[in-house]
Amino acid sequence: MVSVVIAVIYVYWLLLTPSDLVWFGMPVRWWALAVPMLIAVLGVLFILGWIGYTLATTPTPETIEELEESEKPEEEEKKKKESE
């Protein structure tokens, strides 16, 4: 319901406002296009910044060799327990 109200207000703002109505030196219809585009661009930039931050702060994973070395003592302990 809220989205329908916002859509109706936006259509009125974009199509039905008087063309001589000016706000900050630009026609109101121009603002009806500029504001949503600004929000969209800022949203994309925020998402790209978040992805970059995540990539920069994520620690590097262990190499396969390190994983194999960390598993060797565990396997040896299991073998010792089984042999006892």
N, C-alpha and C. Protein backbone atom coordinates (compact mmCIF):
# COMPACT_ATOMS: atom_id res chain seq x y z
N MET A 1 0.83 -1.20 0.00
CA MET A 1 0.00 0.00 0.00
C MET A 1 0.87 1.26 0.00
N VAL A 2 1.93 1.24 0.79
CA VAL A 2 2.81 2.40 0.87
C VAL A 2 3.50 2.63 -0.47
N SER A 3 3.91 1.54 -1.13
CA SER A 3 4.59 1.69 -2.41
C SER A 3 3.66 2.27 -3.47
N VAL A 4 2.38 1.95 -3.40
CA VAL A 4 1.42 2.52 -4.35
C VAL A 4 1.29 4.02 -4.12
N VAL A 5 1.23 4.42 -2.88
CA VAL A 5 1.13 5.85 -2.56
C VAL A 5 2.39 6.58 -3.05
N ILE A 6 3.55 5.99 -2.81
CA ILE A 6 4.80 6.62 -3.26
C ILE A 6 4.84 6.69 -4.78
N ALA A 7 4.38 5.65 -5.46
CA ALA A 7 4.36 5.65 -6.93
C ALA A 7 3.43 6.74 -7.45
N VAL A 8 2.27 6.90 -6.83
CA VAL A 8 1.33 7.94 -7.27
C VAL A 8 1.93 9.32 -7.05
N ILE A 9 2.56 9.53 -5.92
CA ILE A 9 3.19 10.83 -5.65
C ILE A 9 4.32 11.08 -6.66
N TYR A 10 5.11 10.04 -6.98
CA TYR A 10 6.20 10.22 -7.93
C TYR A 10 5.67 10.54 -9.33
N VAL A 11 4.63 9.85 -9.76
CA VAL A 11 4.06 10.13 -11.09
C VAL A 11 3.52 11.56 -11.13
N TYR A 12 2.85 11.99 -10.06
CA TYR A 12 2.37 13.37 -10.02
C TYR A 12 3.55 14.33 -10.08
N TRP A 13 4.60 14.03 -9.29
CA TRP A 13 5.78 14.89 -9.24
C TRP A 13 6.45 14.97 -10.61
N LEU A 14 6.52 13.86 -11.33
CA LEU A 14 7.22 13.81 -12.60
C LEU A 14 6.39 14.37 -13.75
N LEU A 15 5.12 14.04 -13.80
CA LEU A 15 4.32 14.36 -14.99
C LEU A 15 3.32 15.50 -14.82
N LEU A 16 2.82 15.70 -13.64
CA LEU A 16 1.70 16.62 -13.49
C LEU A 16 2.03 17.94 -12.79
N THR A 17 3.25 18.12 -12.33
CA THR A 17 3.58 19.40 -11.71
C THR A 17 3.73 20.47 -12.79
N PRO A 18 3.42 21.70 -12.45
CA PRO A 18 3.58 22.78 -13.43
C PRO A 18 5.04 22.93 -13.87
N SER A 19 5.23 23.18 -15.13
CA SER A 19 6.60 23.26 -15.65
C SER A 19 7.31 24.55 -15.23
N ASP A 20 6.57 25.55 -14.79
CA ASP A 20 7.21 26.80 -14.37
C ASP A 20 7.60 26.78 -12.89
N LEU A 21 7.30 25.70 -12.20
CA LEU A 21 7.66 25.57 -10.79
C LEU A 21 9.16 25.24 -10.69
N VAL A 22 9.92 26.11 -9.99
CA VAL A 22 11.38 25.98 -9.93
C VAL A 22 11.81 25.80 -8.49
N TRP A 23 12.80 24.92 -8.30
CA TRP A 23 13.35 24.67 -6.97
C TRP A 23 14.87 24.63 -7.09
N PHE A 24 15.59 25.47 -6.37
CA PHE A 24 17.04 25.62 -6.46
C PHE A 24 17.50 25.88 -7.89
N GLY A 25 16.76 26.65 -8.63
CA GLY A 25 17.15 27.05 -9.97
C GLY A 25 16.86 26.03 -11.06
N MET A 26 16.28 24.90 -10.72
CA MET A 26 15.95 23.86 -11.71
C MET A 26 14.47 23.55 -11.61
N PRO A 27 13.85 23.17 -12.73
CA PRO A 27 12.43 22.79 -12.69
C PRO A 27 12.21 21.57 -11.78
N VAL A 28 11.06 21.52 -11.18
CA VAL A 28 10.74 20.42 -10.26
C VAL A 28 10.75 19.09 -11.00
N ARG A 29 10.36 19.06 -12.24
CA ARG A 29 10.40 17.81 -13.01
C ARG A 29 11.83 17.30 -13.16
N TRP A 30 12.78 18.20 -13.28
CA TRP A 30 14.19 17.78 -13.36
C TRP A 30 14.60 17.09 -12.07
N TRP A 31 14.17 17.63 -10.93
CA TRP A 31 14.48 17.02 -9.64
C TRP A 31 13.84 15.65 -9.50
N ALA A 32 12.67 15.47 -10.14
CA ALA A 32 12.00 14.17 -10.08
C ALA A 32 12.84 13.09 -10.75
N LEU A 33 13.69 13.45 -11.69
CA LEU A 33 14.59 12.48 -12.32
C LEU A 33 15.94 12.44 -11.61
N ALA A 34 16.41 13.59 -11.15
CA ALA A 34 17.74 13.67 -10.58
C ALA A 34 17.84 12.98 -9.21
N VAL A 35 16.85 13.12 -8.38
CA VAL A 35 16.90 12.55 -7.03
C VAL A 35 16.94 11.02 -7.07
N PRO A 36 16.05 10.34 -7.80
CA PRO A 36 16.15 8.88 -7.86
C PRO A 36 17.46 8.39 -8.49
N MET A 37 17.96 9.11 -9.49
CA MET A 37 19.24 8.71 -10.10
C MET A 37 20.38 8.87 -9.11
N LEU A 38 20.36 9.94 -8.33
CA LEU A 38 21.39 10.13 -7.31
C LEU A 38 21.33 9.01 -6.28
N ILE A 39 20.14 8.65 -5.85
CA ILE A 39 19.99 7.55 -4.88
C ILE A 39 20.50 6.25 -5.48
N ALA A 40 20.20 5.98 -6.74
CA ALA A 40 20.65 4.75 -7.39
C ALA A 40 22.18 4.71 -7.50
N VAL A 41 22.78 5.81 -7.91
CA VAL A 41 24.24 5.86 -8.05
C VAL A 41 24.91 5.70 -6.69
N LEU A 42 24.40 6.38 -5.68
CA LEU A 42 24.98 6.24 -4.34
C LEU A 42 24.81 4.82 -3.81
N GLY A 43 23.69 4.18 -4.13
CA GLY A 43 23.49 2.80 -3.71
C GLY A 43 24.49 1.85 -4.34
N VAL A 44 24.73 2.02 -5.64
CA VAL A 44 25.72 1.18 -6.34
C VAL A 44 27.11 1.44 -5.78
N LEU A 45 27.47 2.68 -5.55
CA LEU A 45 28.78 3.00 -4.99
C LEU A 45 28.94 2.44 -3.58
N PHE A 46 27.88 2.46 -2.79
CA PHE A 46 27.94 1.88 -1.45
C PHE A 46 28.19 0.38 -1.52
N ILE A 47 27.49 -0.31 -2.41
CA ILE A 47 27.67 -1.75 -2.55
C ILE A 47 29.08 -2.07 -3.03
N LEU A 48 29.60 -1.31 -3.99
CA LEU A 48 30.97 -1.53 -4.45
C LEU A 48 31.99 -1.26 -3.35
N GLY A 49 31.76 -0.24 -2.56
CA GLY A 49 32.64 0.04 -1.43
C GLY A 49 32.60 -1.06 -0.40
N TRP A 50 31.43 -1.59 -0.14
CA TRP A 50 31.28 -2.69 0.82
C TRP A 50 32.01 -3.94 0.32
N ILE A 51 31.89 -4.23 -0.96
CA ILE A 51 32.59 -5.37 -1.54
C ILE A 51 34.11 -5.17 -1.43
N GLY A 52 34.58 -3.98 -1.74
CA GLY A 52 36.01 -3.69 -1.63
C GLY A 52 36.50 -3.81 -0.20
N TYR A 53 35.73 -3.30 0.74
CA TYR A 53 36.11 -3.41 2.15
C TYR A 53 36.17 -4.87 2.58
N THR A 54 35.21 -5.65 2.16
CA THR A 54 35.18 -7.07 2.51
C THR A 54 36.38 -7.79 1.91
N LEU A 55 36.70 -7.49 0.67
CA LEU A 55 37.87 -8.11 0.04
C LEU A 55 39.17 -7.70 0.74
N ALA A 56 39.25 -6.46 1.16
CA ALA A 56 40.48 -5.97 1.77
C ALA A 56 40.67 -6.50 3.19
N THR A 57 39.59 -6.77 3.91
CA THR A 57 39.72 -7.17 5.31
C THR A 57 39.59 -8.66 5.54
N THR A 58 39.28 -9.44 4.52
CA THR A 58 39.16 -10.89 4.69
C THR A 58 40.56 -11.50 4.71
N PRO A 59 40.87 -12.29 5.74
CA PRO A 59 42.20 -12.91 5.79
C PRO A 59 42.35 -13.95 4.69
N THR A 60 43.59 -14.16 4.28
CA THR A 60 43.84 -15.14 3.24
C THR A 60 43.64 -16.54 3.80
N PRO A 61 43.13 -17.45 3.02
CA PRO A 61 42.92 -18.81 3.52
C PRO A 61 44.26 -19.55 3.62
N GLU A 62 44.25 -20.61 4.41
CA GLU A 62 45.45 -21.43 4.54
C GLU A 62 45.69 -22.18 3.25
N THR A 63 46.96 -22.42 2.95
CA THR A 63 47.28 -23.18 1.75
C THR A 63 46.99 -24.66 2.00
N ILE A 64 46.96 -25.42 0.95
CA ILE A 64 46.68 -26.85 1.07
C ILE A 64 47.77 -27.53 1.89
N GLU A 65 49.02 -27.11 1.71
CA GLU A 65 50.12 -27.69 2.47
C GLU A 65 49.94 -27.46 3.97
N GLU A 66 49.54 -26.26 4.35
CA GLU A 66 49.32 -25.97 5.76
C GLU A 66 48.17 -26.80 6.31
N LEU A 67 47.12 -26.97 5.54
CA LEU A 67 46.01 -27.79 5.99
C LEU A 67 46.43 -29.24 6.16
N GLU A 68 47.22 -29.76 5.23
CA GLU A 68 47.68 -31.15 5.34
C GLU A 68 48.59 -31.33 6.56
N GLU A 69 49.45 -30.36 6.83
CA GLU A 69 50.34 -30.45 7.99
C GLU A 69 49.56 -30.40 9.29
N SER A 70 48.51 -29.60 9.33
CA SER A 70 47.73 -29.52 10.57
C SER A 70 46.90 -30.78 10.77
N GLU A 71 46.59 -31.52 9.73
CA GLU A 71 45.82 -32.75 9.85
C GLU A 71 46.70 -33.93 10.22
N LYS A 72 48.00 -33.90 9.92
CA LYS A 72 48.90 -35.03 10.19
C LYS A 72 48.96 -35.41 11.67
N PRO A 73 49.13 -34.47 12.60
CA PRO A 73 49.16 -34.86 14.01
C PRO A 73 47.84 -35.50 14.47
N GLU A 74 46.75 -35.03 13.97
CA GLU A 74 45.46 -35.60 14.34
C GLU A 74 45.35 -37.04 13.85
N GLU A 75 45.82 -37.30 12.64
CA GLU A 75 45.77 -38.65 12.10
C GLU A 75 46.68 -39.58 12.89
N GLU A 76 47.87 -39.10 13.29
CA GLU A 76 48.79 -39.91 14.07
C GLU A 76 48.21 -40.25 15.43
N GLU A 77 47.52 -39.29 16.05
CA GLU A 77 46.90 -39.57 17.34
C GLU A 77 45.79 -40.62 17.21
N LYS A 78 45.03 -40.56 16.14
CA LYS A 78 43.99 -41.55 15.92
C LYS A 78 44.59 -42.94 15.73
N LYS A 79 45.67 -43.02 14.99
CA LYS A 79 46.34 -44.31 14.76
C LYS A 79 46.88 -44.87 16.06
N LYS A 80 47.44 -44.02 16.91
CA LYS A 80 47.97 -44.48 18.20
C LYS A 80 46.85 -45.00 19.08
N LYS A 81 45.72 -44.32 19.10
CA LYS A 81 44.59 -44.76 19.91
C LYS A 81 44.03 -46.08 19.38
N GLU A 82 44.00 -46.25 18.08
CA GLU A 82 43.47 -47.48 17.48
C GLU A 82 44.41 -48.66 17.77
N SER A 83 45.71 -48.41 17.78
CA SER A 83 46.67 -49.49 17.99
C SER A 83 46.72 -49.93 19.45
N GLU A 84 46.31 -49.08 20.35
CA GLU A 84 46.34 -49.43 21.78
C GLU A 84 45.24 -50.32 22.19
